[in-house]
PDB file of N, CA and C in Angstrom:
ATOM      1  N   MET A   1      87.404 214.416 176.452  1.00  0.00           N
ATOM      2  CA  MET A   1      87.448 214.116 177.933  1.00  0.00           C
ATOM      3  C   MET A   1      85.748 213.780 178.156  1.00  0.00           C
ATOM      4  N   SER A   2      84.855 213.292 178.675  1.00  0.00           N
ATOM      5  CA  SER A   2      83.950 212.979 178.797  1.00  0.00           C
ATOM      6  C   SER A   2      83.134 214.055 180.144  1.00  0.00           C
ATOM      7  N   ASN A   3      81.969 214.011 180.635  1.00  0.00           N
ATOM      8  CA  ASN A   3      81.164 215.308 181.610  1.00  0.00           C
ATOM      9  C   ASN A   3      81.848 214.604 182.841  1.00  0.00           C
ATOM     10  N   LYS A   4      81.784 213.305 183.082  1.00  0.00           N
ATOM     11  CA  LYS A   4      82.076 212.921 184.330  1.00  0.00           C
ATOM     12  C   LYS A   4      83.607 212.517 184.638  1.00  0.00           C
ATOM     13  N   GLU A   5      84.497 212.739 183.751  1.00  0.00           N
ATOM     14  CA  GLU A   5      85.672 213.027 183.434  1.00  0.00           C
ATOM     15  C   GLU A   5      85.823 213.820 184.277  1.00  0.00           C
ATOM     16  N   ARG A   6      85.891 215.331 183.768  1.00  0.00           N
ATOM     17  CA  ARG A   6      85.753 216.654 183.938  1.00  0.00           C
ATOM     18  C   ARG A   6      85.071 216.822 185.515  1.00  0.00           C
ATOM     19  N   ILE A   7      84.305 215.956 185.732  1.00  0.00           N
ATOM     20  CA  ILE A   7      83.352 216.423 186.791  1.00  0.00           C
ATOM     21  C   ILE A   7      84.510 216.166 188.192  1.00  0.00           C
ATOM     22  N   ILE A   8      84.921 214.320 187.358  1.00  0.00           N
ATOM     23  CA  ILE A   8      85.856 214.007 188.449  1.00  0.00           C
ATOM     24  C   ILE A   8      87.394 215.043 189.157  1.00  0.00           C
ATOM     25  N   GLN A   9      87.652 215.774 187.767  1.00  0.00           N
ATOM     26  CA  GLN A   9      88.858 216.388 187.471  1.00  0.00           C
ATOM     27  C   GLN A   9      88.683 217.482 188.265  1.00  0.00           C
ATOM     28  N   LEU A  10      87.374 218.129 188.508  1.00  0.00           N
ATOM     29  CA  LEU A  10      87.344 219.333 189.023  1.00  0.00           C
ATOM     30  C   LEU A  10      87.224 219.391 190.698  1.00  0.00           C
ATOM     31  N   ILE A  11      86.402 218.119 191.032  1.00  0.00           N
ATOM     32  CA  ILE A  11      86.869 217.449 192.198  1.00  0.00           C
ATOM     33  C   ILE A  11      87.983 217.606 193.208  1.00  0.00           C
ATOM     34  N   ASP A  12      89.173 216.780 192.065  1.00  0.00           N
ATOM     35  CA  ASP A  12      90.463 215.994 192.563  1.00  0.00           C
ATOM     36  C   ASP A  12      90.683 217.477 192.832  1.00  0.00           C
ATOM     37  N   ASN A  13      91.221 218.931 192.318  1.00  0.00           N
ATOM     38  CA  ASN A  13      91.069 219.868 192.954  1.00  0.00           C
ATOM     39  C   ASN A  13      90.978 220.397 193.909  1.00  0.00           C
ATOM     40  N   VAL A  14      89.756 219.691 194.596  1.00  0.00           N
ATOM     41  CA  VAL A  14      89.082 220.703 196.003  1.00  0.00           C
ATOM     42  C   VAL A  14      89.375 219.876 196.791  1.00  0.00           C
ATOM     43  N   PRO A  15      90.309 220.921 198.052  1.00  0.00           N
ATOM     44  CA  PRO A  15      90.367 220.279 198.998  1.00  0.00           C
ATOM     45  C   PRO A  15      89.543 219.476 199.999  1.00  0.00           C
ATOM     46  N   ASP A  16      90.203 218.061 200.448  1.00  0.00           N
ATOM     47  CA  ASP A  16      89.466 217.560 201.597  1.00  0.00           C
ATOM     48  C   ASP A  16      88.845 218.059 202.464  1.00  0.00           C
ATOM     49  N   ASN A  17      89.056 219.175 202.451  1.00  0.00           N
ATOM     50  CA  ASN A  17      88.487 219.801 204.346  1.00  0.00           C
ATOM     51  C   ASN A  17      87.188 220.725 203.594  1.00  0.00           C
ATOM     52  N   ARG A  18      86.826 220.933 202.085  1.00  0.00           N
ATOM     53  CA  ARG A  18      86.044 221.737 201.388  1.00  0.00           C
ATOM     54  C   ARG A  18      85.368 220.614 200.891  1.00  0.00           C
ATOM     55  N   LEU A  19      85.131 219.132 200.501  1.00  0.00           N
ATOM     56  CA  LEU A  19      84.306 218.208 199.831  1.00  0.00           C
ATOM     57  C   LEU A  19      83.243 218.360 200.568  1.00  0.00           C
ATOM     58  N   VAL A  20      82.742 218.451 201.822  1.00  0.00           N
ATOM     59  CA  VAL A  20      81.848 218.300 202.523  1.00  0.00           C
ATOM     60  C   VAL A  20      80.218 218.994 201.331  1.00  0.00           C
ATOM     61  N   TYR A  21      81.029 220.932 201.224  1.00  0.00           N
ATOM     62  CA  TYR A  21      80.187 221.535 200.441  1.00  0.00           C
ATOM     63  C   TYR A  21      80.035 221.041 198.753  1.00  0.00           C
ATOM     64  N   ILE A  22      80.450 220.526 198.472  1.00  0.00           N
ATOM     65  CA  ILE A  22      80.375 219.387 197.421  1.00  0.00           C
ATOM     66  C   ILE A  22      78.877 218.344 197.019  1.00  0.00           C
ATOM     67  N   VAL A  23      79.769 217.745 198.034  1.00  0.00           N
ATOM     68  CA  VAL A  23      79.047 216.763 199.005  1.00  0.00           C
ATOM     69  C   VAL A  23      77.595 217.068 198.669  1.00  0.00           C
ATOM     70  N   ASP A  24      77.509 218.239 199.231  1.00  0.00           N
ATOM     71  CA  ASP A  24      75.837 219.065 199.591  1.00  0.00           C
ATOM     72  C   ASP A  24      75.548 218.994 197.828  1.00  0.00           C
ATOM     73  N   ILE A  25      76.405 219.686 196.980  1.00  0.00           N
ATOM     74  CA  ILE A  25      76.075 220.683 196.040  1.00  0.00           C
ATOM     75  C   ILE A  25      75.347 218.917 195.296  1.00  0.00           C
ATOM     76  N   LEU A  26      76.212 218.086 194.917  1.00  0.00           N
ATOM     77  CA  LEU A  26      76.112 217.053 194.591  1.00  0.00           C
ATOM     78  C   LEU A  26      74.522 216.318 194.471  1.00  0.00           C
ATOM     79  N   GLU A  27      74.485 216.262 196.121  1.00  0.00           N
ATOM     80  CA  GLU A  27      73.024 215.800 196.811  1.00  0.00           C
ATOM     81  C   GLU A  27      71.934 216.765 196.029  1.00  0.00           C
ATOM     82  N   SER A  28      72.310 217.833 196.395  1.00  0.00           N
ATOM     83  CA  SER A  28      71.270 218.603 195.474  1.00  0.00           C
ATOM     84  C   SER A  28      70.828 218.380 194.231  1.00  0.00           C
ATOM     85  N   LEU A  29      71.824 217.996 193.677  1.00  0.00           N
ATOM     86  CA  LEU A  29      71.679 218.184 192.255  1.00  0.00           C
ATOM     87  C   LEU A  29      71.268 216.829 191.732  1.00  0.00           C
ATOM     88  N   LYS A  30      71.512 215.811 192.351  1.00  0.00           N
ATOM     89  CA  LYS A  30      70.404 214.311 192.474  1.00  0.00           C
ATOM     90  C   LYS A  30      69.461 214.346 192.400  1.00  0.00           C
ATOM     91  N   ALA A  31      68.882 214.914 193.646  1.00  0.00           N
ATOM     92  CA  ALA A  31      67.533 215.419 193.390  1.00  0.00           C
ATOM     93  C   ALA A  31      66.641 216.020 192.804  1.00  0.00           C
ATOM     94  N   TYR A  32      67.317 216.895 191.982  1.00  0.00           N
ATOM     95  CA  TYR A  32      66.808 217.563 190.978  1.00  0.00           C
ATOM     96  C   TYR A  32      66.661 217.015 189.717  1.00  0.00           C
ATOM     97  N   ALA A  33      68.089 215.995 190.111  1.00  0.00           N
ATOM     98  CA  ALA A  33      68.211 215.242 188.164  1.00  0.00           C
ATOM     99  C   ALA A  33      67.161 214.031 187.818  1.00  0.00           C
ATOM    100  N   ASN A  34      66.962 213.242 188.992  1.00  0.00           N
ATOM    101  CA  ASN A  34      65.727 212.448 188.967  1.00  0.00           C
ATOM    102  C   ASN A  34      64.307 212.728 189.600  1.00  0.00           C
ATOM    103  N   GLU A  35      64.510 214.144 189.578  1.00  0.00           N
ATOM    104  CA  GLU A  35      62.946 214.434 189.611  1.00  0.00           C
ATOM    105  C   GLU A  35      61.811 213.921 189.211  1.00  0.00           C
ATOM    106  N   PRO A  36      60.649 213.865 189.576  1.00  0.00           N
ATOM    107  CA  PRO A  36      59.316 212.840 188.443  1.00  0.00           C
ATOM    108  C   PRO A  36      59.472 213.889 187.188  1.00  0.00           C
ATOM    109  N   THR A  37      59.263 213.990 185.557  1.00  0.00           N
ATOM    110  CA  THR A  37      58.918 214.687 184.438  1.00  0.00           C
ATOM    111  C   THR A  37      57.402 214.801 185.209  1.00  0.00           C
ATOM    112  N   ALA A  38      56.343 215.526 184.564  1.00  0.00           N
ATOM    113  CA  ALA A  38      54.794 215.880 184.586  1.00  0.00           C
ATOM    114  C   ALA A  38      54.878 214.137 183.008  1.00  0.00           C
ATOM    115  N   GLU A  39      55.353 213.751 182.365  1.00  0.00           N
ATOM    116  CA  GLU A  39      55.145 212.261 181.895  1.00  0.00           C
ATOM    117  C   GLU A  39      55.569 211.303 182.572  1.00  0.00           C
ATOM    118  N   THR A  40      56.432 211.181 183.676  1.00  0.00           N
ATOM    119  CA  THR A  40      56.675 210.029 184.257  1.00  0.00           C
ATOM    120  C   THR A  40      55.509 209.906 185.912  1.00  0.00           C
ATOM    121  N   ALA A  41      55.332 211.527 185.932  1.00  0.00           N
ATOM    122  CA  ALA A  41      55.059 211.476 187.508  1.00  0.00           C
ATOM    123  C   ALA A  41      53.630 211.010 187.213  1.00  0.00           C
ATOM    124  N   ALA A  42      52.718 209.945 189.001  1.00  0.00           N
ATOM    125  CA  ALA A  42      52.079 208.857 188.981  1.00  0.00           C
ATOM    126  C   ALA A  42      51.071 210.646 189.268  1.00  0.00           C
ATOM    127  N   PRO A  43      49.418 210.767 188.712  1.00  0.00           N
ATOM    128  CA  PRO A  43      48.561 211.986 189.038  1.00  0.00           C
ATOM    129  C   PRO A  43      48.195 211.486 190.402  1.00  0.00           C
ATOM    130  N   ASP A  44      48.295 213.159 190.977  1.00  0.00           N
ATOM    131  CA  ASP A  44      48.206 212.865 192.402  1.00  0.00           C
ATOM    132  C   ASP A  44      46.571 213.314 193.014  1.00  0.00           C
ATOM    133  N   GLU A  45      46.293 214.150 193.726  1.00  0.00           N
ATOM    134  CA  GLU A  45      44.907 214.141 193.813  1.00  0.00           C
ATOM    135  C   GLU A  45      44.010 215.145 193.096  1.00  0.00           C
ATOM    136  N   TRP A  46      44.776 216.313 192.751  1.00  0.00           N
ATOM    137  CA  TRP A  46      44.647 217.506 191.643  1.00  0.00           C
ATOM    138  C   TRP A  46      44.409 216.628 190.381  1.00  0.00           C
ATOM    139  N   ASP A  47      45.119 216.024 189.914  1.00  0.00           N
ATOM    140  CA  ASP A  47      44.903 215.582 188.429  1.00  0.00           C
ATOM    141  C   ASP A  47      44.014 214.525 188.931  1.00  0.00           C
ATOM    142  N   MET A  48      43.517 213.737 189.178  1.00  0.00           N
ATOM    143  CA  MET A  48      42.222 213.159 189.683  1.00  0.00           C
ATOM    144  C   MET A  48      40.782 213.752 189.540  1.00  0.00           C
ATOM    145  N   ALA A  49      41.379 214.708 190.265  1.00  0.00           N
ATOM    146  CA  ALA A  49      39.600 215.946 190.520  1.00  0.00           C
ATOM    147  C   ALA A  49      39.467 216.398 188.875  1.00  0.00           C
ATOM    148  N   MET A  50      40.362 216.726 188.680  1.00  0.00           N
ATOM    149  CA  MET A  50      40.367 217.172 186.785  1.00  0.00           C
ATOM    150  C   MET A  50      39.626 216.234 185.977  1.00  0.00           C
ATOM    151  N   ILE A  51      40.280 214.896 186.365  1.00  0.00           N
ATOM    152  CA  ILE A  51      39.995 214.576 184.654  1.00  0.00           C
ATOM    153  C   ILE A  51      38.482 213.620 185.975  1.00  0.00           C
ATOM    154  N   ARG A  52      38.470 213.563 187.059  1.00  0.00           N
ATOM    155  CA  ARG A  52      36.937 213.333 187.270  1.00  0.00           C
ATOM    156  C   ARG A  52      36.115 214.464 186.348  1.00  0.00           C
ATOM    157  N   ASP A  53      36.652 215.847 186.607  1.00  0.00           N
ATOM    158  CA  ASP A  53      35.543 217.151 186.391  1.00  0.00           C
ATOM    159  C   ASP A  53      34.930 216.901 184.859  1.00  0.00           C
ATOM    160  N   ALA A  54      36.188 216.429 184.358  1.00  0.00           N
ATOM    161  CA  ALA A  54      36.312 216.215 182.740  1.00  0.00           C
ATOM    162  C   ALA A  54      35.357 215.029 182.158  1.00  0.00           C
ATOM    163  N   GLU A  55      35.564 213.808 182.923  1.00  0.00           N
ATOM    164  CA  GLU A  55      34.582 213.152 182.516  1.00  0.00           C
ATOM    165  C   GLU A  55      33.325 212.906 183.306  1.00  0.00           C
ATOM    166  N   ARG A  56      33.020 214.181 183.920  1.00  0.00           N
ATOM    167  CA  ARG A  56      31.215 215.053 184.283  1.00  0.00           C
ATOM    168  C   ARG A  56      30.937 215.042 183.385  1.00  0.00           C
ATOM    169  N   ILE A  57      31.615 216.372 182.724  1.00  0.00           N
ATOM    170  CA  ILE A  57      30.977 217.107 181.777  1.00  0.00           C
ATOM    171  C   ILE A  57      31.057 216.668 180.355  1.00  0.00           C
ATOM    172  N   ASN A  58      31.902 215.548 179.777  1.00  0.00           N
ATOM    173  CA  ASN A  58      31.783 215.343 178.460  1.00  0.00           C
ATOM    174  C   ASN A  58      30.912 214.009 178.213  1.00  0.00           C
ATOM    175  N   ASP A  59      30.552 214.299 177.836  1.00  0.00           N
ATOM    176  CA  ASP A  59      29.318 213.567 177.650  1.00  0.00           C
ATOM    177  C   ASP A  59      29.175 212.835 176.273  1.00  0.00           C
ATOM    178  N   GLY A  60      30.461 212.765 175.645  1.00  0.00           N
ATOM    179  CA  GLY A  60      31.021 211.951 174.761  1.00  0.00           C
ATOM    180  C   GLY A  60      30.353 212.105 173.143  1.00  0.00           C
ATOM    181  N   THR A  61      29.645 213.801 173.448  1.00  0.00           N
ATOM    182  CA  THR A  61      29.169 214.088 171.952  1.00  0.00           C
ATOM    183  C   THR A  61      30.732 214.781 171.277  1.00  0.00           C
ATOM    184  N   THR A  62      30.172 215.221 169.648  1.00  0.00           N
ATOM    185  CA  THR A  62      31.578 215.704 169.439  1.00  0.00           C
ATOM    186  C   THR A  62      30.848 216.893 168.478  1.00  0.00           C
ATOM    187  N   VAL A  63      31.720 218.198 168.117  1.00  0.00           N
ATOM    188  CA  VAL A  63      31.426 219.538 166.943  1.00  0.00           C
ATOM    189  C   VAL A  63      32.233 219.559 165.922  1.00  0.00           C
ATOM    190  N   SER A  64      31.763 219.355 164.975  1.00  0.00           N
ATOM    191  CA  SER A  64      32.718 219.838 164.291  1.00  0.00           C
ATOM    192  C   SER A  64      33.117 221.306 164.056  1.00  0.00           C
ATOM    193  N   LEU A  65      34.541 221.843 163.902  1.00  0.00           N
ATOM    194  CA  LEU A  65      34.916 222.880 163.603  1.00  0.00           C
ATOM    195  C   LEU A  65      33.940 224.041 163.020  1.00  0.00           C
ATOM    196  N   GLU A  66      33.545 222.995 161.721  1.00  0.00           N
ATOM    197  CA  GLU A  66      32.778 224.075 161.028  1.00  0.00           C
ATOM    198  C   GLU A  66      30.893 224.415 161.866  1.00  0.00           C
ATOM    199  N   GLU A  67      30.563 223.264 162.766  1.00  0.00           N
ATOM    200  CA  GLU A  67      29.760 223.518 163.539  1.00  0.00           C
ATOM    201  C   GLU A  67      29.997 224.539 164.499  1.00  0.00           C
ATOM    202  N   MET A  68      31.375 224.851 165.416  1.00  0.00           N
ATOM    203  CA  MET A  68      31.721 225.467 165.964  1.00  0.00           C
ATOM    204  C   MET A  68      31.750 226.693 165.706  1.00  0.00           C
ATOM    205  N   MET A  69      32.284 227.289 164.876  1.00  0.00           N
ATOM    206  CA  MET A  69      32.303 228.702 163.442  1.00  0.00           C
ATOM    207  C   MET A  69      30.894 229.412 163.169  1.00  0.00           C
ATOM    208  N   ALA A  70      29.924 228.270 163.210  1.00  0.00           N
ATOM    209  CA  ALA A  70      28.647 229.055 162.595  1.00  0.00           C
ATOM    210  C   ALA A  70      28.071 229.057 164.041  1.00  0.00           C
ATOM    211  N   LYS A  71      28.248 228.392 164.387  1.00  0.00           N
ATOM    212  CA  LYS A  71      27.914 228.674 166.389  1.00  0.00           C
ATOM    213  C   LYS A  71      28.124 230.345 166.821  1.00  0.00           C
ATOM    214  N   ASP A  72      29.094 230.652 166.285  1.00  0.00           N
ATOM    215  CA  ASP A  72      30.126 231.906 167.041  1.00  0.00           C
ATOM    216  C   ASP A  72      30.162 232.724 165.853  1.00  0.00           C
ATOM    217  N   GLY A  73      29.582 232.472 165.022  1.00  0.00           N
ATOM    218  CA  GLY A  73      29.431 233.621 163.909  1.00  0.00           C
ATOM    219  C   GLY A  73      30.680 233.555 162.741  1.00  0.00           C
ATOM    220  N   PHE A  74      31.091 233.000 163.007  1.00  0.00           N
ATOM    221  CA  PHE A  74      32.691 233.077 162.616  1.00  0.00           C
ATOM    222  C   PHE A  74      32.739 232.109 160.803  1.00  0.00           C
ATOM    223  N   THR A  75      33.841 232.686 160.188  1.00  0.00           N
ATOM    224  CA  THR A  75      34.253 232.023 158.546  1.00  0.00           C
ATOM    225  C   THR A  75      35.680 231.575 159.299  1.00  0.00           C
ATOM    226  N   TYR A  76      35.777 230.771 157.859  1.00  0.00           N
ATOM    227  CA  TYR A  76      37.687 230.479 157.345  1.00  0.00           C
ATOM    228  C   TYR A  76      37.973 231.449 156.957  1.00  0.00           C
ATOM    229  N   ALA A  77      37.210 232.813 156.571  1.00  0.00           N
ATOM    230  CA  ALA A  77      38.120 233.592 157.067  1.00  0.00           C
ATOM    231  C   ALA A  77      38.849 234.271 157.434  1.00  0.00           C
ATOM    232  N   ASP A  78      37.607 234.774 158.815  1.00  0.00           N
ATOM    233  CA  ASP A  78      37.805 235.226 159.927  1.00  0.00           C
ATOM    234  C   ASP A  78      39.293 234.492 160.757  1.00  0.00           C
ATOM    235  N   LEU A  79      39.709 233.268 160.436  1.00  0.00           N
ATOM    236  CA  LEU A  79      40.367 232.114 160.879  1.00  0.00           C
ATOM    237  C   LEU A  79      41.992 232.510 160.281  1.00  0.00           C
ATOM    238  N   GLN A  80      41.989 233.525 159.440  1.00  0.00           N
ATOM    239  CA  GLN A  80      43.243 233.754 158.243  1.00  0.00           C
ATOM    240  C   GLN A  80      43.622 235.079 158.984  1.00  0.00           C
ATOM    241  N   ASN A  81      42.896 236.465 159.528  1.00  0.00           N
ATOM    242  CA  ASN A  81      43.220 237.350 160.039  1.00  0.00           C
ATOM    243  C   ASN A  81      43.548 237.007 161.283  1.00  0.00           C
TER     244      ASN A  81
END
């Protein structure tokens, strides 16, 4: 039995005068199930501000891991602890 068939079976056992509660629950679940995720949601103003800030401070230069470790006084051995 599929999940959909099970849901229909459960609903069939609910008295007609109580179905309004089931409808409310299903409407709530529908809204939750269709809620956009971080991967699909369009960026909002906060996201756009963060992108602008990152672009402003990123001058395009790169630094290797070795350079960062030397700058901060670390070695590869320090990374293993």
